Amino acid sequence: MTLLNVENLCIDIPGPRGTLHAVRGVSFHVDKGEILCIVGESGCGKSLTSHALLGLSPRVAQVEAAAFSFDGTDLRRLSERQWQGLRGQRLSMIFQDPMTSLNPSFTIGALLIEVYRRHHPGPRGKARARAIEILRKVGISNAEERLDQYPHQLSGGLRQRVMIAMGLICGPDLLIADEPTTALDVNIQLQILRLLQDLKRDMGLGMVFVTHDLGLVARFADRVAVMYAGRIVETAPVAELFARPCHPYTRALINCIPAPGKTRPGAALGAIPGVVPSLVGPQAGCAFRDRCAHATPLCQTRLERRHDGAGHAYECHYTPEETAA
């Protein structure tokens, strides 16, 4: 069952030097109980895409899409009042930095209770009981005592668990996680990922997980969408993507990861030469062509989407065999 369907999403931001084409023709879907990871370099449009899924795009942004629906509801037609009824209730988000996302003037309990009562009006005691229940569900011990603490009194890992609890307290169908483990150490990252996987299994959540870390993708995702310069250049099931990356950018990203047993100690790590191109003004052809070792004049022309088996698609004029040669 498809929960979220996005087709040809475009986000343009006017500026003094011209229009920034931040997201250009992005298409993907998320099924119930599935984790879709959107991966790419910083600045490629991942966060703008995830914010658009909840109607949280910047006010100056011009957002258009051929299809933009959640569980049969056309999100393009929603008023702000209708969005407010949907956010937090059926669509929820974990933001990147919990320290700046949690209001430091309120206790953890006040923040959680406010979210729950916004969508489930009723006695405060019932909301408090639900807050304690969800804190325990995300692995926070002494939940009743934590309700009376402020965000600055918690560690980074606990703050992130509170953010997850806030996103789950109303029992959403789709959870969007915007780089939720970026500021955490490796051990806490692993705990958060295991927690999200357990919650997905127990609650049947669909999930969009935004990250720049392919190592997390390999152990966490069901499907992967690789994003570059505002476009999704390749999508595939996670095992298929790592076994047979088709787009040169995807292969370059994977080659940057040190491989245990293969990368010699002291050897130079992989790197992608060049910089991401400017997305201000008219765009044509493959945005990766100036950094690609296989680029030809054909790469300046319009791209056609190729398919390589079930569920595997990529945007390149050449097949993997041609670029490998």
C-alpha atoms as a PDB file:
ATOM      1  CA  MET A   1       0.000   0.000   0.000  1.00  0.00           C
ATOM      2  CA  THR A   2       1.461   3.349  -1.093  1.00  0.00           C
ATOM      3  CA  LEU A   3       1.375   5.976   1.652  1.00  0.00           C
ATOM      4  CA  LEU A   4       3.181   8.834  -0.069  1.00  0.00           C
ATOM      5  CA  ASN A   5       3.460   9.553  -3.782  1.00  0.00           C
ATOM      6  CA  VAL A   6       5.529  12.432  -5.152  1.00  0.00           C
ATOM      7  CA  GLU A   7       5.912  13.113  -8.868  1.00  0.00           C
ATOM      8  CA  ASN A   8       7.980  15.872 -10.480  1.00  0.00           C
ATOM      9  CA  LEU A   9       8.378  17.978  -7.327  1.00  0.00           C
ATOM     10  CA  CYS A  10      10.040  21.318  -8.091  1.00  0.00           C
ATOM     11  CA  ILE A  11      11.055  23.960  -5.540  1.00  0.00           C
ATOM     12  CA  ASP A  12      12.275  27.315  -6.860  1.00  0.00           C
ATOM     13  CA  ILE A  13      13.516  30.154  -4.648  1.00  0.00           C
ATOM     14  CA  PRO A  14      13.748  33.636  -6.214  1.00  0.00           C
ATOM     15  CA  GLY A  15      16.904  35.592  -5.373  1.00  0.00           C
ATOM     16  CA  PRO A  16      18.745  38.762  -6.377  1.00  0.00           C
ATOM     17  CA  ARG A  17      20.966  36.861  -8.846  1.00  0.00           C
ATOM     18  CA  GLY A  18      18.166  34.792 -10.340  1.00  0.00           C
ATOM     19  CA  THR A  19      15.970  31.860  -9.403  1.00  0.00           C
ATOM     20  CA  LEU A  20      17.551  29.038  -7.424  1.00  0.00           C
ATOM     21  CA  HIS A  21      16.219  25.717  -8.761  1.00  0.00           C
ATOM     22  CA  ALA A  22      16.786  23.913  -5.469  1.00  0.00           C
ATOM     23  CA  VAL A  23      14.694  20.804  -6.195  1.00  0.00           C
ATOM     24  CA  ARG A  24      14.215  19.811  -9.825  1.00  0.00           C
ATOM     25  CA  GLY A  25      11.712  17.159 -10.883  1.00  0.00           C
ATOM     26  CA  VAL A  26      11.984  14.832  -7.878  1.00  0.00           C
ATOM     27  CA  SER A  27       9.781  11.715  -7.911  1.00  0.00           C
ATOM     28  CA  PHE A  28       9.494   8.870  -5.377  1.00  0.00           C
ATOM     29  CA  HIS A  29       6.986   6.891  -3.330  1.00  0.00           C
ATOM     30  CA  VAL A  30       6.903   5.351   0.139  1.00  0.00           C
ATOM     31  CA  ASP A  31       4.912   2.230   1.028  1.00  0.00           C
ATOM     32  CA  LYS A  32       3.449   1.367   4.406  1.00  0.00           C
ATOM     33  CA  GLY A  33       6.097  -0.258   6.630  1.00  0.00           C
ATOM     34  CA  GLU A  34       8.949   0.782   4.303  1.00  0.00           C
ATOM     35  CA  ILE A  35      12.048   2.882   4.973  1.00  0.00           C
ATOM     36  CA  LEU A  36      13.129   5.061   2.043  1.00  0.00           C
ATOM     37  CA  CYS A  37      16.535   6.705   2.528  1.00  0.00           C
ATOM     38  CA  ILE A  38      17.289   9.892   0.597  1.00  0.00           C
ATOM     39  CA  VAL A  39      21.069  10.252   0.462  1.00  0.00           C
ATOM     40  CA  GLY A  40      23.379  12.859  -1.023  1.00  0.00           C
ATOM     41  CA  GLU A  41      25.904  15.607  -0.342  1.00  0.00           C
ATOM     42  CA  SER A  42      25.064  18.640   1.788  1.00  0.00           C
ATOM     43  CA  GLY A  43      23.146  21.220  -0.211  1.00  0.00           C
ATOM     44  CA  CYS A  44      21.645  18.780  -2.712  1.00  0.00           C
ATOM     45  CA  GLY A  45      18.025  19.504  -1.688  1.00  0.00           C
ATOM     46  CA  LYS A  46      17.342  16.661   0.770  1.00  0.00           C
ATOM     47  CA  SER A  47      16.061  18.818   3.624  1.00  0.00           C
ATOM     48  CA  LEU A  48      14.021  21.095   1.361  1.00  0.00           C
ATOM     49  CA  THR A  49      12.345  18.006  -0.076  1.00  0.00           C
ATOM     50  CA  SER A  50      11.584  16.572   3.362  1.00  0.00           C
ATOM     51  CA  HIS A  51      10.192  19.892   4.625  1.00  0.00           C
ATOM     52  CA  ALA A  52       7.954  20.167   1.552  1.00  0.00           C
ATOM     53  CA  LEU A  53       6.382  16.822   2.513  1.00  0.00           C
ATOM     54  CA  LEU A  54       4.888  18.559   5.578  1.00  0.00           C
ATOM     55  CA  GLY A  55       4.102  21.865   3.916  1.00  0.00           C
ATOM     56  CA  LEU A  56       6.992  23.568   5.721  1.00  0.00           C
ATOM     57  CA  SER A  57       8.770  25.085   2.724  1.00  0.00           C
ATOM     58  CA  PRO A  58      10.105  28.652   3.072  1.00  0.00           C
ATOM     59  CA  ARG A  59       7.455  31.269   2.351  1.00  0.00           C
ATOM     60  CA  VAL A  60       9.376  32.632  -0.631  1.00  0.00           C
ATOM     61  CA  ALA A  61       9.681  29.152  -2.179  1.00  0.00           C
ATOM     62  CA  GLN A  62       7.581  28.258  -5.200  1.00  0.00           C
ATOM     63  CA  VAL A  63       6.529  24.612  -4.821  1.00  0.00           C
ATOM     64  CA  GLU A  64       4.961  22.677  -7.700  1.00  0.00           C
ATOM     65  CA  ALA A  65       4.367  18.981  -8.357  1.00  0.00           C
ATOM     66  CA  ALA A  66       2.562  16.837 -10.924  1.00  0.00           C
ATOM     67  CA  ALA A  67       1.352  14.584  -8.073  1.00  0.00           C
ATOM     68  CA  PHE A  68       1.732  15.077  -4.343  1.00  0.00           C
ATOM     69  CA  SER A  69      -0.496  12.799  -2.284  1.00  0.00           C
ATOM     70  CA  PHE A  70      -0.606  11.086   1.095  1.00  0.00           C
ATOM     71  CA  ASP A  71      -2.869   8.058   1.518  1.00  0.00           C
ATOM     72  CA  GLY A  72      -5.099   9.311  -1.292  1.00  0.00           C
ATOM     73  CA  THR A  73      -5.212  12.936  -0.056  1.00  0.00           C
ATOM     74  CA  ASP A  74      -3.934  15.548  -2.527  1.00  0.00           C
ATOM     75  CA  LEU A  75      -1.545  17.623  -0.417  1.00  0.00           C
ATOM     76  CA  ARG A  76      -1.458  20.390  -3.020  1.00  0.00           C
ATOM     77  CA  ARG A  77      -5.048  21.346  -2.223  1.00  0.00           C
ATOM     78  CA  LEU A  78      -4.723  21.561   1.569  1.00  0.00           C
ATOM     79  CA  SER A  79      -5.284  24.841   3.375  1.00  0.00           C
ATOM     80  CA  GLU A  80      -2.970  25.777   6.247  1.00  0.00           C
ATOM     81  CA  ARG A  81      -5.699  24.737   8.700  1.00  0.00           C
ATOM     82  CA  GLN A  82      -5.925  21.308   7.053  1.00  0.00           C
ATOM     83  CA  TRP A  83      -2.116  20.983   7.140  1.00  0.00           C
ATOM     84  CA  GLN A  84      -2.150  21.692  10.871  1.00  0.00           C
ATOM     85  CA  GLY A  85      -4.637  18.869  11.374  1.00  0.00           C
ATOM     86  CA  LEU A  86      -2.422  16.477   9.413  1.00  0.00           C
ATOM     87  CA  ARG A  87       1.024  17.399  10.802  1.00  0.00           C
ATOM     88  CA  GLY A  88       1.875  15.529  13.956  1.00  0.00           C
ATOM     89  CA  GLN A  89      -1.235  13.392  13.655  1.00  0.00           C
ATOM     90  CA  ARG A  90      -0.655  11.232  10.553  1.00  0.00           C
ATOM     91  CA  LEU A  91       2.476  12.899   9.148  1.00  0.00           C
ATOM     92  CA  SER A  92       5.294  13.615  11.582  1.00  0.00           C
ATOM     93  CA  MET A  93       8.922  14.705  11.509  1.00  0.00           C
ATOM     94  CA  ILE A  94      12.125  14.322  13.505  1.00  0.00           C
ATOM     95  CA  PHE A  95      14.256  17.407  12.954  1.00  0.00           C
ATOM     96  CA  GLN A  96      18.021  17.458  12.580  1.00  0.00           C
ATOM     97  CA  ASP A  97      19.073  19.233  15.780  1.00  0.00           C
ATOM     98  CA  PRO A  98      16.943  18.532  18.866  1.00  0.00           C
ATOM     99  CA  MET A  99      18.655  21.253  20.900  1.00  0.00           C
ATOM    100  CA  THR A 100      17.303  23.961  18.586  1.00  0.00           C
ATOM    101  CA  SER A 101      14.013  22.143  17.854  1.00  0.00           C
ATOM    102  CA  LEU A 102      12.967  21.705  21.502  1.00  0.00           C
ATOM    103  CA  ASN A 103      11.833  24.937  23.186  1.00  0.00           C
ATOM    104  CA  PRO A 104      14.239  25.494  26.107  1.00  0.00           C
ATOM    105  CA  SER A 105      11.580  27.422  28.055  1.00  0.00           C
ATOM    106  CA  PHE A 106       9.310  24.387  28.475  1.00  0.00           C
ATOM    107  CA  THR A 107       9.741  21.052  30.190  1.00  0.00           C
ATOM    108  CA  ILE A 108       9.762  17.824  28.195  1.00  0.00           C
ATOM    109  CA  GLY A 109       6.338  17.003  29.623  1.00  0.00           C
ATOM    110  CA  ALA A 110       4.829  20.329  28.562  1.00  0.00           C
ATOM    111  CA  LEU A 111       6.116  19.895  24.995  1.00  0.00           C
ATOM    112  CA  LEU A 112       4.823  16.338  24.624  1.00  0.00           C
ATOM    113  CA  ILE A 113       1.459  17.059  26.249  1.00  0.00           C
ATOM    114  CA  GLU A 114       0.906  20.090  24.005  1.00  0.00           C
ATOM    115  CA  VAL A 115       1.450  18.000  20.858  1.00  0.00           C
ATOM    116  CA  TYR A 116      -0.911  15.263  22.037  1.00  0.00           C
ATOM    117  CA  ARG A 117      -3.707  17.596  23.182  1.00  0.00           C
ATOM    118  CA  ARG A 118      -3.489  19.563  19.927  1.00  0.00           C
ATOM    119  CA  HIS A 119      -4.809  16.513  18.095  1.00  0.00           C
ATOM    120  CA  HIS A 120      -6.579  14.687  20.936  1.00  0.00           C
ATOM    121  CA  PRO A 121      -8.412  17.230  23.091  1.00  0.00           C
ATOM    122  CA  GLY A 122      -9.184  15.836  26.527  1.00  0.00           C
ATOM    123  CA  PRO A 123      -8.023  15.650  30.131  1.00  0.00           C
ATOM    124  CA  ARG A 124      -4.443  16.661  30.797  1.00  0.00           C
ATOM    125  CA  GLY A 125      -3.969  13.510  32.870  1.00  0.00           C
ATOM    126  CA  LYS A 126      -4.673  11.326  29.840  1.00  0.00           C
ATOM    127  CA  ALA A 127      -2.126  13.278  27.779  1.00  0.00           C
ATOM    128  CA  ARG A 128       0.446  12.959  30.571  1.00  0.00           C
ATOM    129  CA  ALA A 129      -0.082   9.190  30.731  1.00  0.00           C
ATOM    130  CA  ARG A 130       0.408   8.992  26.950  1.00  0.00           C
ATOM    131  CA  ALA A 131       3.623  11.049  27.238  1.00  0.00           C
ATOM    132  CA  ILE A 132       5.003   8.653  29.860  1.00  0.00           C
ATOM    133  CA  GLU A 133       4.040   5.668  27.703  1.00  0.00           C
ATOM    134  CA  ILE A 134       5.753   6.999  24.579  1.00  0.00           C
ATOM    135  CA  LEU A 135       8.919   7.981  26.484  1.00  0.00           C
ATOM    136  CA  ARG A 136       9.180   4.425  27.758  1.00  0.00           C
ATOM    137  CA  LYS A 137       8.572   3.125  24.240  1.00  0.00           C
ATOM    138  CA  VAL A 138      11.582   5.055  22.895  1.00  0.00           C
ATOM    139  CA  GLY A 139      13.801   3.654  25.647  1.00  0.00           C
ATOM    140  CA  ILE A 140      13.895   6.489  28.191  1.00  0.00           C
ATOM    141  CA  SER A 141      14.053   5.220  31.765  1.00  0.00           C
ATOM    142  CA  ASN A 142      12.475   7.109  34.698  1.00  0.00           C
ATOM    143  CA  ALA A 143       9.960   8.576  32.264  1.00  0.00           C
ATOM    144  CA  GLU A 144       7.852  10.300  34.908  1.00  0.00           C
ATOM    145  CA  GLU A 145      10.876  12.185  36.247  1.00  0.00           C
ATOM    146  CA  ARG A 146      12.022  13.154  32.736  1.00  0.00           C
ATOM    147  CA  LEU A 147       8.714  14.951  32.111  1.00  0.00           C
ATOM    148  CA  ASP A 148       9.725  17.629  34.609  1.00  0.00           C
ATOM    149  CA  GLN A 149      13.174  18.211  33.093  1.00  0.00           C
ATOM    150  CA  TYR A 150      14.166  20.836  30.520  1.00  0.00           C
ATOM    151  CA  PRO A 151      15.937  20.013  27.214  1.00  0.00           C
ATOM    152  CA  HIS A 152      19.311  21.356  28.421  1.00  0.00           C
ATOM    153  CA  GLN A 153      19.256  18.878  31.314  1.00  0.00           C
ATOM    154  CA  LEU A 154      19.320  15.899  28.923  1.00  0.00           C
ATOM    155  CA  SER A 155      22.184  14.383  26.947  1.00  0.00           C
ATOM    156  CA  GLY A 156      22.222  14.534  23.139  1.00  0.00           C
ATOM    157  CA  GLY A 157      20.999  10.954  22.835  1.00  0.00           C
ATOM    158  CA  LEU A 158      18.109  11.551  25.259  1.00  0.00           C
ATOM    159  CA  ARG A 159      17.101  14.757  23.471  1.00  0.00           C
ATOM    160  CA  GLN A 160      16.978  12.858  20.206  1.00  0.00           C
ATOM    161  CA  ARG A 161      14.800  10.174  21.820  1.00  0.00           C
ATOM    162  CA  VAL A 162      12.474  12.932  23.063  1.00  0.00           C
ATOM    163  CA  MET A 163      12.247  14.268  19.502  1.00  0.00           C
ATOM    164  CA  ILE A 164      11.333  10.775  18.299  1.00  0.00           C
ATOM    165  CA  ALA A 165       8.741  10.483  21.083  1.00  0.00           C
ATOM    166  CA  MET A 166       7.250  13.832  20.050  1.00  0.00           C
ATOM    167  CA  GLY A 167       6.977  12.592  16.462  1.00  0.00           C
ATOM    168  CA  LEU A 168       5.310   9.335  17.536  1.00  0.00           C
ATOM    169  CA  ILE A 169       3.025  10.452  20.351  1.00  0.00           C
ATOM    170  CA  CYS A 170      -0.049  10.715  18.093  1.00  0.00           C
ATOM    171  CA  GLY A 171       0.660   7.434  16.262  1.00  0.00           C
ATOM    172  CA  PRO A 172       1.470   8.735  12.742  1.00  0.00           C
ATOM    173  CA  ASP A 173       1.419   6.644   9.570  1.00  0.00           C
ATOM    174  CA  LEU A 174       4.498   8.309   8.047  1.00  0.00           C
ATOM    175  CA  LEU A 175       7.600   9.547   9.865  1.00  0.00           C
ATOM    176  CA  ILE A 176      10.135  11.849   8.199  1.00  0.00           C
ATOM    177  CA  ALA A 177      13.574  11.860   9.835  1.00  0.00           C
ATOM    178  CA  ASP A 178      15.855  14.684   8.655  1.00  0.00           C
ATOM    179  CA  GLU A 179      19.411  13.552   9.511  1.00  0.00           C
ATOM    180  CA  PRO A 180      18.396  12.636  13.094  1.00  0.00           C
ATOM    181  CA  THR A 181      21.782  11.111  14.022  1.00  0.00           C
ATOM    182  CA  THR A 182      24.176  13.735  12.602  1.00  0.00           C
ATOM    183  CA  ALA A 183      25.229  15.268  15.938  1.00  0.00           C
ATOM    184  CA  LEU A 184      25.461  11.976  17.843  1.00  0.00           C
ATOM    185  CA  ASP A 185      28.434   9.713  18.475  1.00  0.00           C
ATOM    186  CA  VAL A 186      28.613   6.322  16.772  1.00  0.00           C
ATOM    187  CA  ASN A 187      27.240   4.263  19.669  1.00  0.00           C
ATOM    188  CA  ILE A 188      24.222   6.550  20.139  1.00  0.00           C
ATOM    189  CA  GLN A 189      23.654   6.585  16.369  1.00  0.00           C
ATOM    190  CA  LEU A 190      23.377   2.805  16.390  1.00  0.00           C
ATOM    191  CA  GLN A 191      20.937   2.888  19.314  1.00  0.00           C
ATOM    192  CA  ILE A 192      18.709   5.435  17.543  1.00  0.00           C
ATOM    193  CA  LEU A 193      18.716   3.426  14.305  1.00  0.00           C
ATOM    194  CA  ARG A 194      17.787   0.222  16.114  1.00  0.00           C
ATOM    195  CA  LEU A 195      15.033   2.083  17.940  1.00  0.00           C
ATOM    196  CA  LEU A 196      13.578   3.423  14.670  1.00  0.00           C
ATOM    197  CA  GLN A 197      13.704  -0.039  13.089  1.00  0.00           C
ATOM    198  CA  ASP A 198      11.898  -1.542  16.089  1.00  0.00           C
ATOM    199  CA  LEU A 199       9.249   1.176  15.977  1.00  0.00           C
ATOM    200  CA  LYS A 200       8.760   0.669  12.249  1.00  0.00           C
ATOM    201  CA  ARG A 201       8.205  -3.034  12.830  1.00  0.00           C
ATOM    202  CA  ASP A 202       5.925  -2.608  15.862  1.00  0.00           C
ATOM    203  CA  MET A 203       3.838   0.305  14.545  1.00  0.00           C
ATOM    204  CA  GLY A 204       3.901  -0.402  10.792  1.00  0.00           C
ATOM    205  CA  LEU A 205       5.360   3.034  10.074  1.00  0.00           C
ATOM    206  CA  GLY A 206       6.378   4.248   6.668  1.00  0.00           C
ATOM    207  CA  MET A 207       9.553   6.313   6.944  1.00  0.00           C
ATOM    208  CA  VAL A 208      11.575   8.808   4.896  1.00  0.00           C
ATOM    209  CA  PHE A 209      15.111   8.911   6.324  1.00  0.00           C
ATOM    210  CA  VAL A 210      17.308  11.766   5.098  1.00  0.00           C
ATOM    211  CA  THR A 211      21.070  11.347   5.472  1.00  0.00           C
ATOM    212  CA  HIS A 212      24.448  11.889   3.820  1.00  0.00           C
ATOM    213  CA  ASP A 213      25.928   8.737   5.377  1.00  0.00           C
ATOM    214  CA  LEU A 214      25.924   5.706   3.064  1.00  0.00           C
ATOM    215  CA  GLY A 215      27.091   3.537   5.948  1.00  0.00           C
ATOM    216  CA  LEU A 216      23.788   4.187   7.735  1.00  0.00           C
ATOM    217  CA  VAL A 217      21.874   3.560   4.516  1.00  0.00           C
ATOM    218  CA  ALA A 218      23.430   0.124   4.033  1.00  0.00           C
ATOM    219  CA  ARG A 219      22.220  -1.178   7.398  1.00  0.00           C
ATOM    220  CA  PHE A 220      18.949   0.719   7.692  1.00  0.00           C
ATOM    221  CA  ALA A 221      17.107   1.293   4.397  1.00  0.00           C
ATOM    222  CA  ASP A 222      14.691  -0.806   2.362  1.00  0.00           C
ATOM    223  CA  ARG A 223      15.051   1.424  -0.698  1.00  0.00           C
ATOM    224  CA  VAL A 224      17.468   4.246  -1.513  1.00  0.00           C
ATOM    225  CA  ALA A 225      17.087   7.450  -3.520  1.00  0.00           C
ATOM    226  CA  VAL A 226      20.437   9.091  -4.378  1.00  0.00           C
ATOM    227  CA  MET A 227      20.106  12.861  -4.769  1.00  0.00           C
ATOM    228  CA  TYR A 228      22.492  15.248  -6.496  1.00  0.00           C
ATOM    229  CA  ALA A 229      22.061  18.960  -7.322  1.00  0.00           C
ATOM    230  CA  GLY A 230      18.328  18.934  -6.714  1.00  0.00           C
ATOM    231  CA  ARG A 231      17.552  15.743  -8.634  1.00  0.00           C
ATOM    232  CA  ILE A 232      17.188  12.092  -7.706  1.00  0.00           C
ATOM    233  CA  VAL A 233      19.736  10.451  -9.996  1.00  0.00           C
ATOM    234  CA  GLU A 234      19.209   6.818  -8.921  1.00  0.00           C
ATOM    235  CA  THR A 235      16.683   4.761  -6.963  1.00  0.00           C
ATOM    236  CA  ALA A 236      16.945   1.078  -6.073  1.00  0.00           C
ATOM    237  CA  PRO A 237      16.420  -1.482  -3.304  1.00  0.00           C
ATOM    238  CA  VAL A 238      19.331  -1.117  -0.895  1.00  0.00           C
ATOM    239  CA  ALA A 239      21.026  -4.450  -1.678  1.00  0.00           C
ATOM    240  CA  GLU A 240      20.692  -3.837  -5.420  1.00  0.00           C
ATOM    241  CA  LEU A 241      22.148  -0.341  -5.156  1.00  0.00           C
ATOM    242  CA  PHE A 242      25.330  -1.486  -3.408  1.00  0.00           C
ATOM    243  CA  ALA A 243      25.696  -4.574  -5.610  1.00  0.00           C
ATOM    244  CA  ARG A 244      25.165  -2.720  -8.899  1.00  0.00           C
ATOM    245  CA  PRO A 245      25.362   1.086  -8.699  1.00  0.00           C
ATOM    246  CA  CYS A 246      24.473   2.450 -12.127  1.00  0.00           C
ATOM    247  CA  HIS A 247      24.969   6.207 -11.921  1.00  0.00           C
ATOM    248  CA  PRO A 248      28.584   7.478 -11.858  1.00  0.00           C
ATOM    249  CA  TYR A 249      27.772   9.693  -8.861  1.00  0.00           C
ATOM    250  CA  THR A 250      26.456   6.733  -6.861  1.00  0.00           C
ATOM    251  CA  ARG A 251      29.602   4.739  -7.667  1.00  0.00           C
ATOM    252  CA  ALA A 252      31.771   7.709  -6.671  1.00  0.00           C
ATOM    253  CA  LEU A 253      29.974   7.980  -3.313  1.00  0.00           C
ATOM    254  CA  ILE A 254      30.412   4.272  -2.607  1.00  0.00           C
ATOM    255  CA  ASN A 255      34.097   4.444  -3.561  1.00  0.00           C
ATOM    256  CA  CYS A 256      34.601   7.118  -0.882  1.00  0.00           C
ATOM    257  CA  ILE A 257      33.707   4.611   1.864  1.00  0.00           C
ATOM    258  CA  PRO A 258      36.692   2.749   3.353  1.00  0.00           C
ATOM    259  CA  ALA A 259      36.105  -0.992   2.907  1.00  0.00           C
ATOM    260  CA  PRO A 260      37.192  -3.214   5.829  1.00  0.00           C
ATOM    261  CA  GLY A 261      39.788  -5.688   4.593  1.00  0.00           C
ATOM    262  CA  LYS A 262      40.183  -3.903   1.249  1.00  0.00           C
ATOM    263  CA  THR A 263      41.311  -0.373   2.050  1.00  0.00           C
ATOM    264  CA  ARG A 264      44.958  -0.552   3.098  1.00  0.00           C
ATOM    265  CA  PRO A 265      46.005   1.349   6.244  1.00  0.00           C
ATOM    266  CA  GLY A 266      47.467   4.698   5.217  1.00  0.00           C
ATOM    267  CA  ALA A 267      46.001   4.506   1.704  1.00  0.00           C
ATOM    268  CA  ALA A 268      44.382   7.641   0.272  1.00  0.00           C
ATOM    269  CA  LEU A 269      40.630   7.714   0.733  1.00  0.00           C
ATOM    270  CA  GLY A 270      38.348   8.136  -2.249  1.00  0.00           C
ATOM    271  CA  ALA A 271      37.156  11.649  -3.132  1.00  0.00           C
ATOM    272  CA  ILE A 272      34.952  13.245  -5.781  1.00  0.00           C
ATOM    273  CA  PRO A 273      36.815  16.038  -7.609  1.00  0.00           C
ATOM    274  CA  GLY A 274      35.261  19.425  -8.267  1.00  0.00           C
ATOM    275  CA  VAL A 275      32.316  21.145  -6.598  1.00  0.00           C
ATOM    276  CA  VAL A 276      28.542  20.982  -6.882  1.00  0.00           C
ATOM    277  CA  PRO A 277      27.401  23.294  -9.710  1.00  0.00           C
ATOM    278  CA  SER A 278      25.328  26.419  -9.120  1.00  0.00           C
ATOM    279  CA  LEU A 279      21.591  25.827  -9.475  1.00  0.00           C
ATOM    280  CA  VAL A 280      20.816  29.494 -10.145  1.00  0.00           C
ATOM    281  CA  GLY A 281      19.430  30.149 -13.603  1.00  0.00           C
ATOM    282  CA  PRO A 282      18.542  27.741 -16.428  1.00  0.00           C
ATOM    283  CA  GLN A 283      19.649  24.112 -16.007  1.00  0.00           C
ATOM    284  CA  ALA A 284      20.268  21.579 -18.758  1.00  0.00           C
ATOM    285  CA  GLY A 285      21.793  18.127 -19.079  1.00  0.00           C
ATOM    286  CA  CYS A 286      23.518  16.143 -16.337  1.00  0.00           C
ATOM    287  CA  ALA A 287      24.549  18.289 -13.351  1.00  0.00           C
ATOM    288  CA  PHE A 288      27.336  15.809 -12.516  1.00  0.00           C
ATOM    289  CA  ARG A 289      29.074  16.082 -15.903  1.00  0.00           C
ATOM    290  CA  ASP A 290      31.809  18.516 -14.774  1.00  0.00           C
ATOM    291  CA  ARG A 291      32.895  16.060 -12.032  1.00  0.00           C
ATOM    292  CA  CYS A 292      32.410  12.840 -13.996  1.00  0.00           C
ATOM    293  CA  ALA A 293      35.342  11.033 -15.597  1.00  0.00           C
ATOM    294  CA  HIS A 294      33.028   9.584 -18.276  1.00  0.00           C
ATOM    295  CA  ALA A 295      31.344  12.816 -19.422  1.00  0.00           C
ATOM    296  CA  THR A 296      30.979  13.579 -23.149  1.00  0.00           C
ATOM    297  CA  PRO A 297      29.226  16.396 -25.055  1.00  0.00           C
ATOM    298  CA  LEU A 298      26.087  14.228 -25.000  1.00  0.00           C
ATOM    299  CA  CYS A 299      25.864  14.827 -21.232  1.00  0.00           C
ATOM    300  CA  GLN A 300      24.897  18.453 -21.899  1.00  0.00           C
ATOM    301  CA  THR A 301      21.628  17.332 -23.480  1.00  0.00           C
ATOM    302  CA  ARG A 302      18.367  16.306 -21.838  1.00  0.00           C
ATOM    303  CA  LEU A 303      18.533  13.144 -19.722  1.00  0.00           C
ATOM    304  CA  GLU A 304      16.277  10.135 -20.121  1.00  0.00           C
ATOM    305  CA  ARG A 305      15.518   7.902 -17.147  1.00  0.00           C
ATOM    306  CA  ARG A 306      16.811   4.357 -17.616  1.00  0.00           C
ATOM    307  CA  HIS A 307      15.585   1.228 -15.832  1.00  0.00           C
ATOM    308  CA  ASP A 308      17.834  -1.628 -14.765  1.00  0.00           C
ATOM    309  CA  GLY A 309      15.606  -4.362 -13.379  1.00  0.00           C
ATOM    310  CA  ALA A 310      12.641  -4.153 -11.021  1.00  0.00           C
ATOM    311  CA  GLY A 311      12.630  -0.997  -8.940  1.00  0.00           C
ATOM    312  CA  HIS A 312      16.058   0.176 -10.155  1.00  0.00           C
ATOM    313  CA  ALA A 313      16.178   3.412 -12.174  1.00  0.00           C
ATOM    314  CA  TYR A 314      18.868   5.993 -12.908  1.00  0.00           C
ATOM    315  CA  GLU A 315      19.511   9.119 -14.975  1.00  0.00           C
ATOM    316  CA  CYS A 316      22.514   8.731 -17.251  1.00  0.00           C
ATOM    317  CA  HIS A 317      23.066   8.644 -21.004  1.00  0.00           C
ATOM    318  CA  TYR A 318      25.311   5.592 -20.563  1.00  0.00           C
ATOM    319  CA  THR A 319      24.881   2.141 -19.066  1.00  0.00           C
ATOM    320  CA  PRO A 320      27.121   0.973 -16.195  1.00  0.00           C
ATOM    321  CA  GLU A 321      29.019  -1.257 -18.626  1.00  0.00           C
ATOM    322  CA  GLU A 322      29.776   1.712 -20.914  1.00  0.00           C
ATOM    323  CA  THR A 323      31.017   3.959 -18.089  1.00  0.00           C
ATOM    324  CA  ALA A 324      33.011   1.121 -16.518  1.00  0.00           C
ATOM    325  CA  ALA A 325      34.786   0.559 -19.816  1.00  0.00           C
END
